[in-house]
């Protein structure tokens, strides 16, 4: 039977849906940046957590505004109320969703997190080198969207990023300054998001499962990434591209041939 969620914040720009509310622990997930925004997605529970006694709070922004708009403060207050009764709170998010986990970390009381290629900000003055999301930055309020002033500095966990994606590392380094107990996990040729290789090898669910134990170790995640990369078309394509940029023609050709032998990449 399909689990039913309760919408506990239903704004024009932001939405919060809670599943398995009577549990004692909580996982919070955030919708990432989507190619075609403008509507809320259907929320579904993370079953492996629900089955292990977690409630699931799914947070969404209707458009790609990085959760920063005229509803942000009311949303923040509401999700703080929702999360308050739970004795353990963990979170995960990709890209814009990772930013959301950082931005609302104090309000939610997040103890552990796994963040995949997250942004520290999209404000031009804060991240002048990162121009990727300037299409969303015109209406972005850098004060309301300031992560550092709202950081739960004791939050533990990992930031996953591809070291060959310099802008993702650029953001990650700023995140680690604001959240000193987070650790950087470098997943070479993983792309953006950095877990694409893990996704193709079925390893992301195991990474996510580390939050269940509270033992989120970068070395464990790197080992999963390495185990899956030989059969990952994404890995071989990125390796070929990166080798070519660095003048390693033989390696680039070898990796391109391996990519050609692989199946379709994960979207």
Protein backbone atom coordinates (compact mmCIF):
# COMPACT_ATOMS: atom_id res chain seq x y z
CA UNK A 1 0.00 0.00 0.00
CA UNK A 2 1.30 3.43 -0.92
CA UNK A 3 2.38 5.51 2.06
CA UNK A 4 0.52 8.80 2.38
CA UNK A 5 2.33 11.95 3.33
CA UNK A 6 0.93 15.01 5.07
CA UNK A 7 1.63 18.40 3.54
CA UNK A 8 2.55 20.57 6.50
CA UNK A 9 3.63 23.68 4.60
CA UNK A 10 1.87 24.40 1.33
CA UNK A 11 3.01 27.70 -0.11
CA UNK A 12 3.11 29.00 -3.64
CA UNK A 13 6.93 28.62 -3.70
CA UNK A 14 7.79 26.07 -0.99
CA UNK A 15 6.29 22.81 0.25
CA UNK A 16 6.99 20.40 3.12
CA UNK A 17 5.59 16.85 3.16
CA UNK A 18 5.99 14.47 6.11
CA UNK A 19 5.75 10.67 6.06
CA UNK A 20 5.62 8.28 9.04
CA UNK A 21 5.27 11.19 11.43
CA UNK A 22 5.07 9.10 14.61
CA UNK A 23 8.62 7.77 14.32
CA UNK A 24 11.33 8.96 16.71
CA UNK A 25 13.99 9.79 14.11
CA UNK A 26 13.84 11.93 10.98
CA UNK A 27 15.48 12.04 7.57
CA UNK A 28 15.12 15.27 5.58
CA UNK A 29 15.50 15.35 1.81
CA UNK A 30 15.42 18.32 -0.55
CA UNK A 31 14.40 18.56 -4.18
CA UNK A 32 17.39 19.45 -6.34
CA UNK A 33 17.51 21.89 -9.24
CA UNK A 34 15.36 20.55 -12.06
CA UNK A 35 15.57 21.19 -15.79
CA UNK A 36 11.91 22.17 -16.06
CA UNK A 37 10.67 23.85 -12.92
CA UNK A 38 7.36 25.53 -12.15
CA UNK A 39 5.46 22.69 -10.49
CA UNK A 40 5.91 20.67 -7.32
CA UNK A 41 6.83 17.01 -7.73
CA UNK A 42 4.94 14.14 -6.14
CA UNK A 43 6.62 13.31 -2.85
CA UNK A 44 7.37 9.69 -1.99
CA UNK A 45 8.95 8.31 1.19
CA UNK A 46 12.49 6.92 1.42
CA UNK A 47 11.37 3.40 2.19
CA UNK A 48 14.58 2.01 3.65
CA UNK A 49 14.53 4.74 6.30
CA UNK A 50 10.81 4.49 7.01
CA UNK A 51 11.22 0.73 7.52
CA UNK A 52 14.01 1.43 10.01
CA UNK A 53 11.90 3.73 12.17
CA UNK A 54 12.46 7.11 10.57
CA UNK A 55 9.99 9.78 9.63
CA UNK A 56 10.72 11.39 6.26
CA UNK A 57 10.39 15.12 5.63
CA UNK A 58 10.61 16.04 1.94
CA UNK A 59 11.15 19.72 1.15
CA UNK A 60 10.62 21.30 -2.25
CA UNK A 61 11.05 24.60 -4.03
CA UNK A 62 8.59 24.96 -6.92
CA UNK A 63 11.10 26.92 -9.00
CA UNK A 64 14.90 26.90 -9.03
CA UNK A 65 15.28 29.73 -6.53
CA UNK A 66 17.47 27.86 -4.04
CA UNK A 67 14.68 27.98 -1.43
CA UNK A 68 15.19 31.74 -1.06
CA UNK A 69 12.02 33.76 -1.62
CA UNK A 70 9.26 35.61 0.23
CA UNK A 71 8.15 32.37 1.93
CA UNK A 72 11.58 31.36 3.26
CA UNK A 73 11.26 32.73 6.78
CA UNK A 74 7.79 31.26 7.39
CA UNK A 75 8.97 27.97 5.88
CA UNK A 76 12.04 27.94 8.12
CA UNK A 77 9.94 28.49 11.23
CA UNK A 78 7.50 25.74 10.25
CA UNK A 79 10.08 23.08 9.47
CA UNK A 80 11.85 23.87 12.76
CA UNK A 81 8.57 23.04 14.54
CA UNK A 82 8.19 19.83 12.53
CA UNK A 83 11.74 18.63 13.27
CA UNK A 84 11.83 19.61 16.94
CA UNK A 85 10.27 16.42 18.45
CA UNK A 86 12.70 14.02 16.75
CA UNK A 87 15.67 12.78 18.73
CA UNK A 88 17.82 12.25 15.64
CA UNK A 89 17.77 14.27 12.41
CA UNK A 90 19.77 13.44 9.28
CA UNK A 91 19.68 15.05 5.85
CA UNK A 92 20.77 14.58 2.27
CA UNK A 93 20.55 16.67 -0.88
CA UNK A 94 22.00 17.12 -4.35
CA UNK A 95 23.24 20.45 -5.74
CA UNK A 96 20.48 22.98 -4.93
CA UNK A 97 19.10 20.42 -2.48
CA UNK A 98 22.49 20.31 -0.79
CA UNK A 99 22.36 24.08 -0.44
CA UNK A 100 18.94 23.70 1.17
CA UNK A 101 20.32 21.25 3.71
CA UNK A 102 23.05 23.73 4.61
CA UNK A 103 20.75 26.76 4.70
CA UNK A 104 18.20 25.10 7.01
CA UNK A 105 20.65 22.97 9.02
CA UNK A 106 20.27 24.97 12.23
CA UNK A 107 16.48 25.23 11.98
CA UNK A 108 16.19 21.48 11.47
CA UNK A 109 18.85 20.53 14.01
CA UNK A 110 20.62 18.27 11.51
CA UNK A 111 23.17 15.99 13.18
CA UNK A 112 24.52 14.05 10.17
CA UNK A 113 24.32 14.70 6.45
CA UNK A 114 25.48 13.51 3.05
CA UNK A 115 25.59 16.39 0.58
CA UNK A 116 26.29 15.81 -3.10
CA UNK A 117 27.95 18.60 -5.12
CA UNK A 118 26.23 21.34 -3.09
CA UNK A 119 26.52 25.09 -3.61
CA UNK A 120 27.58 27.40 -0.82
CA UNK A 121 25.73 30.26 -2.52
CA UNK A 122 24.74 31.53 -5.95
CA UNK A 123 25.15 35.21 -5.04
CA UNK A 124 27.76 36.76 -7.40
CA UNK A 125 29.50 38.63 -4.57
CA UNK A 126 29.78 35.48 -2.47
CA UNK A 127 30.89 33.08 -5.23
CA UNK A 128 32.34 35.37 -7.93
CA UNK A 129 34.08 32.49 -9.70
CA UNK A 130 30.93 30.41 -10.05
CA UNK A 131 28.71 31.74 -12.82
CA UNK A 132 26.77 28.52 -13.47
CA UNK A 133 23.52 29.60 -11.86
CA UNK A 134 23.40 33.30 -12.68
CA UNK A 135 20.03 32.70 -14.35
CA UNK A 136 18.66 32.17 -10.83
CA UNK A 137 20.78 34.78 -9.07
CA UNK A 138 18.97 38.00 -10.06
CA UNK A 139 16.28 37.55 -7.40
CA UNK A 140 18.49 35.72 -4.90
CA UNK A 141 18.71 37.59 -1.59
CA UNK A 142 22.28 37.06 -0.33
CA UNK A 143 21.29 37.93 3.24
CA UNK A 144 18.29 35.61 3.38
CA UNK A 145 20.33 32.97 1.55
CA UNK A 146 23.43 33.29 3.72
CA UNK A 147 24.48 29.83 4.84
CA UNK A 148 27.31 30.76 7.23
CA UNK A 149 25.08 32.73 9.59
CA UNK A 150 22.65 29.80 9.82
CA UNK A 151 25.14 26.97 9.97
CA UNK A 152 24.75 24.21 12.50
CA UNK A 153 28.48 24.11 13.04
CA UNK A 154 28.35 20.80 14.88
CA UNK A 155 26.73 19.00 11.94
CA UNK A 156 28.79 16.00 10.89
CA UNK A 157 28.93 14.19 7.59
CA UNK A 158 30.42 14.51 4.14
CA UNK A 159 30.42 16.74 1.09
CA UNK A 160 30.84 14.64 -2.05
CA UNK A 161 32.46 16.36 -5.03
CA UNK A 162 34.37 15.51 -8.19
CA UNK A 163 37.90 16.98 -7.93
CA UNK A 164 37.86 17.52 -11.71
CA UNK A 165 34.93 19.90 -11.25
CA UNK A 166 36.79 22.93 -9.85
CA UNK A 167 33.64 24.96 -9.16
CA UNK A 168 32.22 22.16 -7.05
CA UNK A 169 35.47 22.04 -5.07
CA UNK A 170 35.42 25.85 -4.80
CA UNK A 171 31.98 25.69 -3.17
CA UNK A 172 32.97 22.71 -1.03
CA UNK A 173 35.94 24.55 0.45
CA UNK A 174 33.71 27.42 1.56
CA UNK A 175 31.23 24.97 3.02
CA UNK A 176 33.93 23.29 5.10
CA UNK A 177 34.93 26.63 6.61
CA UNK A 178 31.36 27.25 7.75
CA UNK A 179 30.82 23.64 8.86
CA UNK A 180 34.13 22.52 10.41
CA UNK A 181 32.96 18.99 11.25
CA UNK A 182 32.04 18.11 7.67
CA UNK A 183 34.60 16.23 5.57
CA UNK A 184 35.28 16.44 1.86
CA UNK A 185 34.99 13.20 -0.10
CA UNK A 186 36.58 13.39 -3.58
CA UNK A 187 34.96 11.13 -6.18
CA UNK A 188 37.13 11.43 -9.29
CA UNK A 189 35.27 11.60 -12.62
CA UNK A 190 31.95 11.35 -10.82
CA UNK A 191 30.61 14.45 -12.55
CA UNK A 192 27.90 16.76 -11.26
CA UNK A 193 26.37 15.42 -9.18
CA UNK A 194 29.43 13.52 -8.02
CA UNK A 195 27.48 10.31 -7.38
CA UNK A 196 26.66 9.48 -10.99
CA UNK A 197 29.19 6.64 -11.01
CA UNK A 198 27.73 5.30 -7.77
CA UNK A 199 24.25 5.56 -9.24
CA UNK A 200 25.22 3.49 -12.27
CA UNK A 201 26.77 0.79 -10.10
CA UNK A 202 23.95 0.63 -7.57
CA UNK A 203 26.16 2.08 -4.87
CA UNK A 204 24.29 5.26 -3.97
CA UNK A 205 21.75 3.43 -1.83
CA UNK A 206 24.64 2.02 0.20
CA UNK A 207 26.08 5.52 0.62
CA UNK A 208 22.71 6.85 1.73
CA UNK A 209 22.43 3.92 4.11
CA UNK A 210 25.50 5.14 6.01
CA UNK A 211 23.24 7.72 7.61
CA UNK A 212 21.38 4.89 9.32
CA UNK A 213 24.50 3.91 11.24
CA UNK A 214 25.80 7.42 11.85
CA UNK A 215 29.22 6.32 10.58
CA UNK A 216 29.66 8.41 7.44
CA UNK A 217 33.28 7.82 6.47
CA UNK A 218 34.70 9.33 3.25
CA UNK A 219 37.02 6.34 2.83
CA UNK A 220 34.05 3.96 2.70
CA UNK A 221 32.38 6.08 0.02
CA UNK A 222 35.55 6.36 -2.05
CA UNK A 223 35.90 2.57 -1.90
CA UNK A 224 32.35 2.15 -3.23
CA UNK A 225 33.09 4.65 -6.00
CA UNK A 226 36.27 2.82 -7.00
CA UNK A 227 34.48 -0.52 -6.99
CA UNK A 228 31.85 0.74 -9.40
CA UNK A 229 33.82 2.90 -11.79
CA UNK A 230 35.10 0.12 -14.07
CA UNK A 231 31.57 -0.61 -15.22
CA UNK A 232 30.43 3.02 -15.31
CA UNK A 233 30.07 4.74 -18.70
CA UNK A 234 30.03 8.12 -16.93
CA UNK A 235 33.42 7.42 -15.36
CA UNK A 236 35.09 6.47 -18.64
CA UNK A 237 33.63 9.45 -20.49
CA UNK A 238 34.79 11.89 -17.86
CA UNK A 239 38.20 10.22 -17.64
CA UNK A 240 38.61 10.57 -21.42
CA UNK A 241 37.59 14.24 -21.32
CA UNK A 242 39.86 15.06 -18.38
CA UNK A 243 42.82 13.19 -19.87
CA UNK A 244 42.42 15.04 -23.17
CA UNK A 245 42.38 18.42 -21.39
CA UNK A 246 45.65 17.50 -19.69
CA UNK A 247 47.36 16.29 -22.84
CA UNK A 248 47.28 12.57 -22.04
CA UNK A 249 46.23 11.41 -25.50
CA UNK A 250 46.79 7.67 -25.00
CA UNK A 251 44.79 7.57 -21.77
CA UNK A 252 42.04 9.66 -23.34
CA UNK A 253 41.78 7.29 -26.31
CA UNK A 254 41.75 4.23 -24.05
CA UNK A 255 39.02 5.69 -21.83
CA UNK A 256 36.98 6.75 -24.89
CA UNK A 257 37.14 3.19 -26.22
CA UNK A 258 36.00 1.81 -22.85
CA UNK A 259 33.14 4.31 -22.84
CA UNK A 260 32.11 3.10 -26.26
CA UNK A 261 31.87 -0.45 -24.94
CA UNK A 262 29.54 0.61 -22.13
CA UNK A 263 25.79 0.93 -22.12
CA UNK A 264 23.70 4.02 -21.72
CA UNK A 265 24.65 6.50 -19.01
CA UNK A 266 22.42 7.28 -16.06
CA UNK A 267 20.60 10.61 -16.70
